[in-house]
Amino acid sequence: MSAYCFRRAFRLRYTDFDFKDELSLSSLLGIIQESATGSADELGFGYADLKPKNYGFLVVNTYGEIFRQPTFGKTVTVETWPLPPRHVFFERDYRVLGEDGQPVAAAASRWCLVDLDTFSLLTGEALGEANANCPYNPEKSIVVPNWKVPRMQEGKEVYRTVARQSLCDHYLHVNNTRYADLFLDCLPMQALESRTLQSFHISYAKQAKEGSELTLFSEDRGNELLGEVRTGEETLTQARFTFVPRGA
């Protein structure tokens, strides 16, 4: 019997690309999240399954590497599967393949199952039969160097914004994919035009609700960008991005 793997194809639109005609990170995160939700629906612990219990999966970390850039109008296929849970952490890996079947990107994520009434963390047993019958697949698509994002040494405030309703999802907080744009907006076009994103790691500690004032801090090291989203003195989200010279 072959190991479980959910597959979904996505045709890339013009709006999925940035000013350099490279796939935007928010679009990449969007298609892997769509694949994750499709897999969870298929396995019996999707949004519709959890909503009556007022449970929800909240992402804690996402790490990924980009191997090559796809182009407009092409189709990529995302493969994803859940790994065996580790106490309160539910891991999920992804492969993004081009039309030639070769890797475009790979990613790994960690999620927590949360009781949305009490915000207590739940283990797999809370999923009942869906957990008992789940064909968890221990295969790793990528090696995560460290789940902890390094702190900035010389971070500076770049800009402030407010979490408006358009950034929020059905859990009433800023959707995890939106942070990619918030962080990368710490750099102007001139700083990004000579770089191509190579890896990304976003760590989510607290949720940003509608109306929250978000302050973006970053430290640009050329081939590396560190960033934080803060509300007051509280750090909500951290990120680390690495780059290679464009065209390399």
Protein backbone atom coordinates (compact mmCIF):
# COMPACT_ATOMS: atom_id res chain seq x y z
CA MET A 1 0.00 0.00 0.00
CA SER A 2 1.46 3.36 -1.03
CA ALA A 3 1.84 6.18 1.50
CA TYR A 4 -0.92 8.80 1.64
CA CYS A 5 -0.41 11.93 -0.45
CA PHE A 6 -3.02 14.51 -1.47
CA ARG A 7 -2.48 16.15 -4.86
CA ARG A 8 -4.01 19.29 -6.33
CA ALA A 9 -3.12 21.20 -9.50
CA PHE A 10 -3.12 25.00 -9.75
CA ARG A 11 -2.90 27.08 -12.91
CA LEU A 12 -0.80 30.14 -12.15
CA ARG A 13 -2.43 33.49 -12.91
CA TYR A 14 -0.86 36.84 -13.72
CA THR A 15 -2.00 38.06 -10.30
CA ASP A 16 0.13 35.34 -8.66
CA PHE A 17 3.33 37.11 -9.76
CA ASP A 18 5.20 40.13 -8.46
CA PHE A 19 6.81 43.10 -10.20
CA LYS A 20 9.79 40.89 -11.21
CA ASP A 21 7.48 38.29 -12.81
CA GLU A 22 8.36 35.88 -9.99
CA LEU A 23 5.76 33.88 -8.09
CA SER A 24 4.89 35.94 -5.03
CA LEU A 25 5.41 34.32 -1.67
CA SER A 26 1.84 35.07 -0.60
CA SER A 27 0.57 33.20 -3.69
CA LEU A 28 2.85 30.24 -2.98
CA LEU A 29 1.64 30.12 0.62
CA GLY A 30 -1.93 30.41 -0.64
CA ILE A 31 -1.72 27.35 -2.88
CA ILE A 32 -0.05 25.20 -0.26
CA GLN A 33 -2.69 26.26 2.27
CA GLU A 34 -5.44 25.38 -0.21
CA SER A 35 -3.85 21.97 -0.62
CA ALA A 36 -3.62 21.50 3.15
CA THR A 37 -7.30 22.30 3.58
CA GLY A 38 -8.24 19.93 0.75
CA SER A 39 -6.27 17.15 2.41
CA ALA A 40 -7.80 17.86 5.83
CA ASP A 41 -11.31 17.83 4.31
CA GLU A 42 -10.58 14.48 2.69
CA LEU A 43 -9.27 13.01 5.95
CA GLY A 44 -12.22 14.12 8.07
CA PHE A 45 -10.70 16.95 10.10
CA GLY A 46 -11.30 19.92 7.81
CA TYR A 47 -12.91 23.23 8.68
CA ALA A 48 -16.48 21.92 8.27
CA ASP A 49 -15.68 18.93 10.50
CA LEU A 50 -14.16 21.01 13.29
CA LYS A 51 -16.52 24.00 13.26
CA PRO A 52 -19.40 22.28 15.16
CA LYS A 53 -16.95 21.61 18.04
CA ASN A 54 -15.50 25.11 17.74
CA TYR A 55 -12.06 23.63 17.17
CA GLY A 56 -9.56 24.99 14.68
CA PHE A 57 -6.08 24.36 13.34
CA LEU A 58 -3.79 27.38 13.70
CA VAL A 59 -0.42 27.45 11.98
CA VAL A 60 2.63 27.92 14.21
CA ASN A 61 5.53 27.79 11.71
CA THR A 62 6.01 27.56 7.98
CA TYR A 63 9.42 26.91 6.43
CA GLY A 64 10.14 26.46 2.75
CA GLU A 65 12.70 26.60 -0.01
CA ILE A 66 12.22 27.70 -3.63
CA PHE A 67 14.31 25.83 -6.20
CA ARG A 68 13.22 27.57 -9.42
CA GLN A 69 10.67 30.07 -10.65
CA PRO A 70 7.57 28.94 -12.57
CA THR A 71 6.05 31.16 -15.27
CA PHE A 72 2.69 32.67 -16.20
CA GLY A 73 -0.01 30.27 -17.30
CA LYS A 74 1.85 27.15 -16.23
CA THR A 75 0.33 24.56 -13.90
CA VAL A 76 1.98 23.44 -10.69
CA THR A 77 0.91 20.45 -8.65
CA VAL A 78 1.07 20.51 -4.87
CA GLU A 79 1.53 17.27 -2.97
CA THR A 80 0.88 17.29 0.76
CA TRP A 81 0.46 14.90 3.65
CA PRO A 82 0.18 15.02 7.47
CA LEU A 83 3.01 13.57 9.54
CA PRO A 84 2.36 11.69 12.80
CA PRO A 85 1.43 14.24 15.51
CA ARG A 86 3.98 15.15 18.18
CA HIS A 87 1.89 15.80 21.28
CA VAL A 88 0.22 19.18 20.48
CA PHE A 89 2.10 19.77 17.21
CA PHE A 90 0.63 18.57 13.91
CA GLU A 91 3.19 18.66 11.13
CA ARG A 92 2.45 18.77 7.41
CA ASP A 93 4.86 18.69 4.46
CA TYR A 94 4.48 19.85 0.86
CA ARG A 95 6.09 19.43 -2.53
CA VAL A 96 5.37 21.83 -5.41
CA LEU A 97 6.07 20.28 -8.80
CA GLY A 98 6.24 21.87 -12.23
CA GLU A 99 4.61 20.54 -15.39
CA ASP A 100 7.77 18.48 -15.98
CA GLY A 101 7.31 16.75 -12.63
CA GLN A 102 10.45 18.34 -11.19
CA PRO A 103 10.45 20.28 -7.88
CA VAL A 104 9.66 23.99 -7.84
CA ALA A 105 9.53 24.32 -4.07
CA ALA A 106 9.15 22.32 -0.86
CA ALA A 107 7.79 23.32 2.52
CA ALA A 108 6.97 22.10 6.00
CA SER A 109 4.55 23.50 8.55
CA ARG A 110 3.57 22.96 12.16
CA TRP A 111 0.00 23.49 13.38
CA CYS A 112 -1.79 23.37 16.72
CA LEU A 113 -5.34 22.15 17.23
CA VAL A 114 -7.07 24.73 19.42
CA ASP A 115 -10.34 24.79 21.35
CA LEU A 116 -11.54 28.20 20.21
CA ASP A 117 -13.74 28.63 23.29
CA THR A 118 -10.90 28.22 25.81
CA PHE A 119 -7.84 28.55 23.51
CA SER A 120 -6.46 25.38 25.09
CA LEU A 121 -4.24 23.16 22.94
CA LEU A 122 -5.59 19.74 22.00
CA THR A 123 -3.91 16.48 21.05
CA GLY A 124 -4.87 14.18 18.19
CA GLU A 125 -7.28 12.25 20.42
CA ALA A 126 -9.66 15.22 20.23
CA LEU A 127 -10.21 14.36 16.55
CA GLY A 128 -11.65 10.95 17.44
CA GLU A 129 -11.95 8.47 14.58
CA ALA A 130 -10.43 10.90 12.10
CA ASN A 131 -7.18 10.72 14.06
CA ALA A 132 -7.37 6.96 14.67
CA ASN A 133 -7.97 6.26 10.98
CA CYS A 134 -5.63 8.91 9.54
CA PRO A 135 -2.94 7.48 7.23
CA TYR A 136 -0.18 9.67 8.67
CA ASN A 137 2.89 9.65 6.45
CA PRO A 138 6.31 10.19 8.14
CA GLU A 139 8.08 11.20 4.90
CA LYS A 140 9.83 14.58 4.96
CA SER A 141 9.87 16.77 1.85
CA ILE A 142 12.48 19.10 3.32
CA VAL A 143 14.83 19.37 6.29
CA VAL A 144 13.98 22.29 8.57
CA PRO A 145 17.25 23.70 9.97
CA ASN A 146 15.60 25.06 13.10
CA TRP A 147 11.99 25.81 13.97
CA LYS A 148 13.15 28.91 15.87
CA VAL A 149 13.54 32.17 13.92
CA PRO A 150 16.65 34.15 14.99
CA ARG A 151 16.07 37.50 16.64
CA MET A 152 17.20 40.73 15.03
CA GLN A 153 20.36 42.35 16.34
CA GLU A 154 19.89 45.77 14.74
CA GLY A 155 16.23 45.82 13.76
CA LYS A 156 14.60 49.13 12.86
CA GLU A 157 10.99 50.19 12.58
CA VAL A 158 10.03 50.41 8.90
CA TYR A 159 6.32 51.19 8.83
CA ARG A 160 3.01 50.89 10.65
CA THR A 161 -0.32 49.64 9.42
CA VAL A 162 -3.67 48.48 10.77
CA ALA A 163 -5.14 44.99 10.45
CA ARG A 164 -8.25 45.68 8.36
CA GLN A 165 -11.02 43.16 7.74
CA SER A 166 -9.72 42.31 4.26
CA LEU A 167 -6.64 40.70 5.83
CA CYS A 168 -8.68 38.47 8.14
CA ASP A 169 -10.03 34.95 7.64
CA HIS A 170 -12.86 32.94 9.22
CA TYR A 171 -10.96 32.77 12.52
CA LEU A 172 -11.26 36.57 12.66
CA HIS A 173 -7.52 37.23 12.64
CA VAL A 174 -4.99 38.10 9.94
CA ASN A 175 -4.57 35.08 7.68
CA ASN A 176 -1.11 33.52 7.81
CA THR A 177 -0.47 33.99 4.08
CA ARG A 178 -0.87 37.79 4.42
CA TYR A 179 2.22 38.14 6.60
CA ALA A 180 4.46 37.37 3.63
CA ASP A 181 3.46 40.64 1.97
CA LEU A 182 3.67 42.56 5.24
CA PHE A 183 7.25 41.42 5.77
CA LEU A 184 8.48 41.81 2.20
CA ASP A 185 6.98 45.30 2.06
CA CYS A 186 9.77 46.23 4.49
CA LEU A 187 11.97 46.36 1.38
CA PRO A 188 11.42 48.74 -1.57
CA MET A 189 11.46 47.56 -5.18
CA GLN A 190 14.99 48.88 -5.62
CA ALA A 191 16.26 46.57 -2.86
CA LEU A 192 14.39 43.54 -4.20
CA GLU A 193 14.95 43.90 -7.94
CA SER A 194 18.37 42.23 -7.83
CA ARG A 195 17.32 39.40 -5.48
CA THR A 196 15.30 36.20 -5.80
CA LEU A 197 13.75 34.59 -2.74
CA GLN A 198 15.47 31.33 -1.83
CA SER A 199 13.97 30.33 1.52
CA PHE A 200 11.37 31.57 3.98
CA HIS A 201 10.51 30.88 7.60
CA ILE A 202 7.56 32.54 9.31
CA SER A 203 6.80 31.87 12.97
CA TYR A 204 3.38 32.81 14.33
CA ALA A 205 3.15 33.44 18.10
CA LYS A 206 -0.02 35.52 18.54
CA GLN A 207 -2.97 36.45 16.37
CA ALA A 208 -3.61 39.95 15.03
CA LYS A 209 -7.29 40.84 15.26
CA GLU A 210 -9.14 43.42 13.16
CA GLY A 211 -8.16 46.91 14.27
CA SER A 212 -4.78 45.90 15.71
CA GLU A 213 -2.04 48.43 14.99
CA LEU A 214 0.86 46.50 13.48
CA THR A 215 4.41 47.81 13.56
CA LEU A 216 6.88 46.24 11.14
CA PHE A 217 10.54 45.95 12.12
CA SER A 218 13.26 44.52 9.90
CA GLU A 219 16.98 44.01 9.58
CA ASP A 220 18.24 43.77 6.00
CA ARG A 221 21.53 41.89 5.68
CA GLY A 222 21.54 41.71 1.88
CA ASN A 223 21.20 37.98 1.40
CA GLU A 224 19.02 37.70 4.51
CA LEU A 225 16.03 39.62 5.87
CA LEU A 226 14.83 39.30 9.44
CA GLY A 227 11.50 40.78 10.44
CA GLU A 228 9.00 41.12 13.25
CA VAL A 229 5.39 42.23 13.47
CA ARG A 230 4.64 43.83 16.82
CA THR A 231 1.64 45.29 18.58
CA GLY A 232 2.99 47.62 21.19
CA GLU A 233 5.76 45.72 22.97
CA GLU A 234 4.33 42.33 22.02
CA THR A 235 5.84 40.36 19.13
CA LEU A 236 3.14 38.61 17.10
CA THR A 237 5.11 37.12 14.23
CA GLN A 238 8.76 36.68 13.23
CA ALA A 239 10.28 35.87 9.86
CA ARG A 240 13.55 35.06 8.16
CA PHE A 241 14.01 35.20 4.38
CA THR A 242 17.13 34.34 2.39
CA PHE A 243 17.90 35.49 -1.14
CA VAL A 244 20.18 34.66 -4.03
CA PRO A 245 21.23 37.09 -6.79
CA ARG A 246 18.51 37.31 -9.39
CA GLY A 247 19.29 35.16 -12.40
CA ALA A 248 21.85 33.07 -10.51
